[in-house]
């Protein structure tokens, strides 16, 4: 079965708040796709629509050729959905949760072991432990198992690694790559910009709109400006001084440095350094760097606000 997703002019509002503003998006069969954006970007609303939990105000979507509104029943049989919050029964054991969800889909764990075997091997030692007593990483693995128990063609994962330690995050993405190899279409919503590089294509989202849709490398290649990392002793004052520089285009804090772009096509780092010294800044280091996904997101966000 073709597990492509096609979204056309999809919109959704909650009162005066427009959560999605005419989303157009095609996701190919077997693709590992990322929805990247902060809280309030519209990622969860889009997932709830695709999972047939909400009705759109306008627009349409098809999953595996089924219409999201008219054919919601077959969609629920071919869709696995893992919501952002842990939503399994915490007073049931690992095994009891799995058996419950298998029963809901009129199947058995044994019949679907091929799909969940790699994950099950990691959580089987805890199969009699209550779900509420599991670690964050183990809860996510159990939730993923339950979402896969009926061998879905499409898997929606809403911020699956939020609040999970670094090791568990890495393991989780390895599991997703294994699932992709089995032909499952996977959409991951995440606020972590670094996870964009783990997807084949990504949509950068903000305020219910798609700012950019491309491969991670393609988004970075479209950055279009020279980017500089600037460091100094007083990082906060450095930020304020750079924002008053007449030629500054963008100035954002990134860890222990400031990422800076100029309005001009070419700049003189020594000129910029002299300006900062005149402001009382010393021990300034300026280095040209390559943009990352987060830099691209900030630039696109700034551009979108100017156009609005």
Protein backbone atom coordinates (compact mmCIF):
# COMPACT_ATOMS: atom_id res chain seq x y z
CA UNK A 1 0.00 0.00 0.00
CA UNK A 2 1.21 3.48 -0.90
CA UNK A 3 1.75 5.30 2.41
CA UNK A 4 2.03 8.82 1.01
CA UNK A 5 0.50 11.79 2.84
CA UNK A 6 -0.89 14.72 0.86
CA UNK A 7 -2.05 17.90 2.61
CA UNK A 8 -3.82 20.70 0.74
CA UNK A 9 -4.62 24.17 2.18
CA UNK A 10 -5.24 22.76 5.66
CA UNK A 11 -6.39 25.32 8.25
CA UNK A 12 -7.51 25.09 11.86
CA UNK A 13 -8.51 27.71 14.42
CA UNK A 14 -9.37 27.64 18.10
CA UNK A 15 -11.53 30.69 18.65
CA UNK A 16 -9.48 33.71 17.62
CA UNK A 17 -6.24 31.70 17.49
CA UNK A 18 -5.35 30.41 14.03
CA UNK A 19 -3.27 27.28 14.73
CA UNK A 20 -2.75 26.29 11.07
CA UNK A 21 -2.81 28.67 8.11
CA UNK A 22 -3.30 26.87 4.82
CA UNK A 23 -0.69 24.12 5.13
CA UNK A 24 0.39 22.44 1.88
CA UNK A 25 2.65 19.44 2.23
CA UNK A 26 3.41 16.13 0.50
CA UNK A 27 5.27 13.39 2.39
CA UNK A 28 6.46 10.42 0.38
CA UNK A 29 6.01 6.74 1.22
CA UNK A 30 8.73 5.47 3.54
CA UNK A 31 10.08 8.96 4.24
CA UNK A 32 11.50 10.05 7.61
CA UNK A 33 10.13 13.57 7.79
CA UNK A 34 10.56 16.24 10.47
CA UNK A 35 8.24 19.03 11.60
CA UNK A 36 10.60 21.44 13.35
CA UNK A 37 9.40 24.37 15.41
CA UNK A 38 8.81 25.78 18.89
CA UNK A 39 5.71 25.34 21.06
CA UNK A 40 2.75 26.99 19.40
CA UNK A 41 4.06 26.42 15.87
CA UNK A 42 1.08 24.21 14.97
CA UNK A 43 2.79 20.81 14.99
CA UNK A 44 0.40 19.13 17.43
CA UNK A 45 -2.68 20.58 15.73
CA UNK A 46 -1.49 19.17 12.42
CA UNK A 47 -0.91 15.75 14.00
CA UNK A 48 -4.36 15.70 15.61
CA UNK A 49 -5.94 16.48 12.28
CA UNK A 50 -3.98 13.74 10.51
CA UNK A 51 -4.87 11.32 13.31
CA UNK A 52 -8.57 12.13 12.66
CA UNK A 53 -9.01 13.47 16.20
CA UNK A 54 -10.02 16.93 14.93
CA UNK A 55 -11.88 18.26 11.92
CA UNK A 56 -10.25 20.98 9.79
CA UNK A 57 -11.86 24.36 9.23
CA UNK A 58 -10.84 24.16 5.59
CA UNK A 59 -8.58 22.18 3.30
CA UNK A 60 -8.06 18.44 3.03
CA UNK A 61 -5.58 15.63 3.54
CA UNK A 62 -5.20 12.05 2.36
CA UNK A 63 -3.20 9.30 4.06
CA UNK A 64 -2.52 6.15 2.02
CA UNK A 65 -5.14 7.49 -0.39
CA UNK A 66 -7.85 7.74 2.30
CA UNK A 67 -9.61 11.05 2.88
CA UNK A 68 -8.95 12.37 6.38
CA UNK A 69 -12.61 13.29 7.01
CA UNK A 70 -14.67 10.89 4.91
CA UNK A 71 -12.56 7.76 5.49
CA UNK A 72 -11.32 8.21 9.05
CA UNK A 73 -11.98 4.59 10.06
CA UNK A 74 -9.50 2.94 7.65
CA UNK A 75 -6.97 5.70 8.47
CA UNK A 76 -7.06 4.75 12.15
CA UNK A 77 -6.20 1.17 11.21
CA UNK A 78 -3.10 2.12 9.22
CA UNK A 79 -1.91 4.93 11.51
CA UNK A 80 0.26 4.83 14.63
CA UNK A 81 0.14 7.95 16.82
CA UNK A 82 2.39 8.74 19.77
CA UNK A 83 1.21 11.96 21.48
CA UNK A 84 3.54 14.40 23.16
CA UNK A 85 2.56 13.47 26.70
CA UNK A 86 2.90 9.93 28.02
CA UNK A 87 -0.68 8.71 27.67
CA UNK A 88 -0.50 5.00 28.51
CA UNK A 89 -2.05 3.44 31.61
CA UNK A 90 0.47 4.07 34.36
CA UNK A 91 -1.19 1.60 36.78
CA UNK A 92 -0.83 -1.23 34.24
CA UNK A 93 2.39 -3.11 33.62
CA UNK A 94 4.40 -2.88 30.41
CA UNK A 95 2.96 -6.18 29.18
CA UNK A 96 -0.60 -5.27 30.19
CA UNK A 97 -0.40 -2.00 28.25
CA UNK A 98 0.85 -3.81 25.15
CA UNK A 99 -1.85 -6.47 25.41
CA UNK A 100 -4.52 -3.80 25.85
CA UNK A 101 -3.53 -1.91 22.69
CA UNK A 102 -3.18 -5.15 20.74
CA UNK A 103 -6.75 -6.03 21.77
CA UNK A 104 -8.01 -2.59 20.69
CA UNK A 105 -6.69 -3.30 17.19
CA UNK A 106 -7.96 -6.90 17.26
CA UNK A 107 -4.49 -8.42 17.09
CA UNK A 108 -1.90 -10.08 19.33
CA UNK A 109 1.62 -9.11 20.37
CA UNK A 110 2.95 -12.37 18.90
CA UNK A 111 1.50 -11.53 15.47
CA UNK A 112 3.36 -8.21 15.32
CA UNK A 113 6.70 -9.09 16.86
CA UNK A 114 8.58 -8.47 13.62
CA UNK A 115 7.69 -4.78 13.79
CA UNK A 116 8.51 -4.24 17.47
CA UNK A 117 11.22 -6.86 18.13
CA UNK A 118 14.17 -4.44 18.38
CA UNK A 119 12.31 -2.25 20.86
CA UNK A 120 10.76 -5.14 22.76
CA UNK A 121 14.18 -6.64 23.47
CA UNK A 122 15.04 -3.47 25.40
CA UNK A 123 11.89 -3.29 27.48
CA UNK A 124 11.15 -7.02 27.98
CA UNK A 125 13.24 -7.19 31.20
CA UNK A 126 10.76 -4.68 32.67
CA UNK A 127 7.60 -6.27 31.28
CA UNK A 128 6.02 -6.74 34.72
CA UNK A 129 6.89 -3.24 35.96
CA UNK A 130 4.11 -0.64 36.15
CA UNK A 131 4.35 1.83 33.29
CA UNK A 132 4.28 4.72 35.75
CA UNK A 133 7.48 3.41 37.38
CA UNK A 134 9.53 3.38 34.17
CA UNK A 135 12.26 5.89 33.36
CA UNK A 136 11.56 8.58 30.77
CA UNK A 137 13.44 6.71 28.06
CA UNK A 138 11.67 3.42 28.79
CA UNK A 139 8.29 5.13 28.79
CA UNK A 140 8.99 6.43 25.30
CA UNK A 141 10.01 2.99 24.09
CA UNK A 142 6.86 1.45 25.53
CA UNK A 143 4.72 4.17 23.93
CA UNK A 144 6.42 3.51 20.59
CA UNK A 145 5.74 -0.22 20.94
CA UNK A 146 2.06 0.46 21.60
CA UNK A 147 1.86 2.77 18.58
CA UNK A 148 3.35 0.01 16.41
CA UNK A 149 1.45 -2.97 17.79
CA UNK A 150 -0.92 -3.12 14.78
CA UNK A 151 1.87 -2.67 12.16
CA UNK A 152 0.84 0.79 10.91
CA UNK A 153 1.91 2.16 7.53
CA UNK A 154 2.28 5.69 8.90
CA UNK A 155 3.72 6.73 12.26
CA UNK A 156 3.14 10.16 13.85
CA UNK A 157 5.49 11.01 16.72
CA UNK A 158 4.75 14.25 18.59
CA UNK A 159 7.92 15.45 20.35
CA UNK A 160 8.98 11.89 21.27
CA UNK A 161 12.35 12.88 22.79
CA UNK A 162 11.30 15.89 24.88
CA UNK A 163 12.57 15.47 28.43
CA UNK A 164 14.56 12.36 27.56
CA UNK A 165 18.28 12.02 28.28
CA UNK A 166 20.85 12.27 25.48
CA UNK A 167 21.56 8.52 25.34
CA UNK A 168 17.86 7.63 25.14
CA UNK A 169 17.36 10.26 22.43
CA UNK A 170 20.13 8.67 20.35
CA UNK A 171 18.69 5.17 20.87
CA UNK A 172 15.22 6.39 19.90
CA UNK A 173 16.44 7.80 16.59
CA UNK A 174 18.27 4.55 15.84
CA UNK A 175 14.95 2.74 16.32
CA UNK A 176 13.26 5.14 13.91
CA UNK A 177 15.88 4.42 11.26
CA UNK A 178 15.18 0.69 11.66
CA UNK A 179 11.46 1.33 11.22
CA UNK A 180 12.09 3.40 8.11
CA UNK A 181 14.06 0.49 6.68
CA UNK A 182 10.86 -1.57 7.05
CA UNK A 183 8.96 0.91 4.87
CA UNK A 184 7.08 2.85 7.54
CA UNK A 185 6.39 6.52 6.74
CA UNK A 186 7.49 8.46 9.82
CA UNK A 187 6.73 12.06 10.76
CA UNK A 188 8.51 13.42 13.83
CA UNK A 189 7.53 16.73 15.42
CA UNK A 190 10.29 18.22 17.54
CA UNK A 191 11.42 21.58 18.96
CA UNK A 192 15.06 20.39 18.86
CA UNK A 193 16.73 21.97 15.85
CA UNK A 194 19.63 19.50 15.94
CA UNK A 195 17.21 16.63 15.27
CA UNK A 196 16.41 18.15 11.88
CA UNK A 197 19.69 16.71 10.58
CA UNK A 198 18.41 13.20 11.37
CA UNK A 199 15.49 13.56 8.94
CA UNK A 200 15.48 13.20 5.16
CA UNK A 201 13.39 16.35 4.73
CA UNK A 202 12.04 18.89 7.19
CA UNK A 203 9.43 21.62 7.38
CA UNK A 204 10.37 24.54 9.61
CA UNK A 205 7.14 25.77 11.24
CA UNK A 206 6.13 28.85 13.17
CA UNK A 207 2.75 30.39 14.01
CA UNK A 208 0.85 27.84 11.95
CA UNK A 209 2.88 28.34 8.78
CA UNK A 210 5.69 26.50 7.00
CA UNK A 211 8.69 28.80 6.73
CA UNK A 212 10.82 26.41 4.67
CA UNK A 213 10.51 22.90 3.24
CA UNK A 214 13.63 21.11 2.07
CA UNK A 215 16.37 18.69 3.04
CA UNK A 216 18.43 19.90 6.03
CA UNK A 217 21.37 20.54 3.68
CA UNK A 218 19.11 22.42 1.27
CA UNK A 219 17.79 24.70 4.01
CA UNK A 220 21.33 25.49 5.14
CA UNK A 221 22.50 26.17 1.58
CA UNK A 222 19.70 28.74 1.23
CA UNK A 223 20.94 30.76 4.22
CA UNK A 224 22.44 33.31 1.84
CA UNK A 225 24.59 35.44 4.16
CA UNK A 226 28.01 35.25 5.79
CA UNK A 227 27.63 34.25 9.42
CA UNK A 228 30.00 35.19 12.23
CA UNK A 229 30.39 33.94 15.80
CA UNK A 230 31.46 36.73 18.14
CA UNK A 231 32.71 36.17 21.68
CA UNK A 232 33.60 38.55 24.48
CA UNK A 233 33.80 38.73 28.27
CA UNK A 234 30.38 40.36 28.82
CA UNK A 235 28.09 38.40 26.53
CA UNK A 236 24.94 40.33 27.42
CA UNK A 237 26.47 43.77 26.84
CA UNK A 238 28.06 42.42 23.66
CA UNK A 239 24.58 41.47 22.45
CA UNK A 240 23.24 44.97 23.19
CA UNK A 241 26.20 46.69 21.51
CA UNK A 242 25.94 44.56 18.37
CA UNK A 243 22.25 45.37 18.05
CA UNK A 244 23.08 49.08 17.94
CA UNK A 245 25.66 48.62 15.18
CA UNK A 246 24.26 50.48 12.13
CA UNK A 247 25.02 47.63 9.69
CA UNK A 248 23.69 44.77 11.84
CA UNK A 249 21.18 42.53 10.08
CA UNK A 250 20.64 39.84 12.71
CA UNK A 251 22.08 39.38 16.20
CA UNK A 252 21.16 36.28 18.24
CA UNK A 253 22.74 34.64 21.30
CA UNK A 254 23.96 31.07 20.76
CA UNK A 255 25.51 29.53 23.89
CA UNK A 256 28.68 31.42 24.78
CA UNK A 257 28.78 33.44 21.55
CA UNK A 258 26.67 35.79 19.45
CA UNK A 259 25.74 34.83 15.90
CA UNK A 260 25.86 37.88 13.66
CA UNK A 261 24.98 38.72 10.06
CA UNK A 262 25.53 42.07 8.34
CA UNK A 263 23.32 44.03 5.95
CA UNK A 264 26.24 44.37 3.57
CA UNK A 265 27.44 41.63 1.22
CA UNK A 266 30.96 41.78 2.61
CA UNK A 267 32.13 43.03 5.98
CA UNK A 268 35.44 43.79 7.60
CA UNK A 269 35.79 41.91 10.89
CA UNK A 270 38.44 44.44 11.96
CA UNK A 271 35.97 47.31 11.42
CA UNK A 272 33.37 45.51 13.51
CA UNK A 273 35.96 44.78 16.20
CA UNK A 274 37.00 48.46 16.30
CA UNK A 275 33.37 49.44 16.78
CA UNK A 276 33.00 47.03 19.70
CA UNK A 277 36.23 48.26 21.29
CA UNK A 278 34.85 51.82 21.06
CA UNK A 279 31.90 50.54 23.08
CA UNK A 280 34.21 49.31 25.82
CA UNK A 281 34.34 45.66 24.69
CA UNK A 282 37.70 43.88 24.95
CA UNK A 283 39.07 40.40 24.25
CA UNK A 284 36.77 40.19 21.24
CA UNK A 285 36.99 37.13 18.98
CA UNK A 286 35.25 37.14 15.59
CA UNK A 287 35.20 34.03 13.41
CA UNK A 288 33.28 33.11 10.26
CA UNK A 289 31.18 29.98 10.69
CA UNK A 290 28.75 27.80 8.74
CA UNK A 291 25.06 28.29 9.50
CA UNK A 292 23.09 25.54 11.23
CA UNK A 293 19.38 24.74 11.10
CA UNK A 294 18.72 26.97 14.11
CA UNK A 295 20.41 29.92 12.37
CA UNK A 296 18.23 29.29 9.32
CA UNK A 297 15.10 29.11 11.46
CA UNK A 298 15.90 32.39 13.21
CA UNK A 299 16.59 34.13 9.88
CA UNK A 300 13.38 32.83 8.30
CA UNK A 301 11.39 33.75 11.41
CA UNK A 302 12.78 37.28 11.34
CA UNK A 303 12.02 37.58 7.62
CA UNK A 304 8.47 36.30 8.16
CA UNK A 305 7.80 38.88 10.87
CA UNK A 306 9.07 41.71 8.66
CA UNK A 307 6.79 40.59 5.80
CA UNK A 308 3.82 40.33 8.18
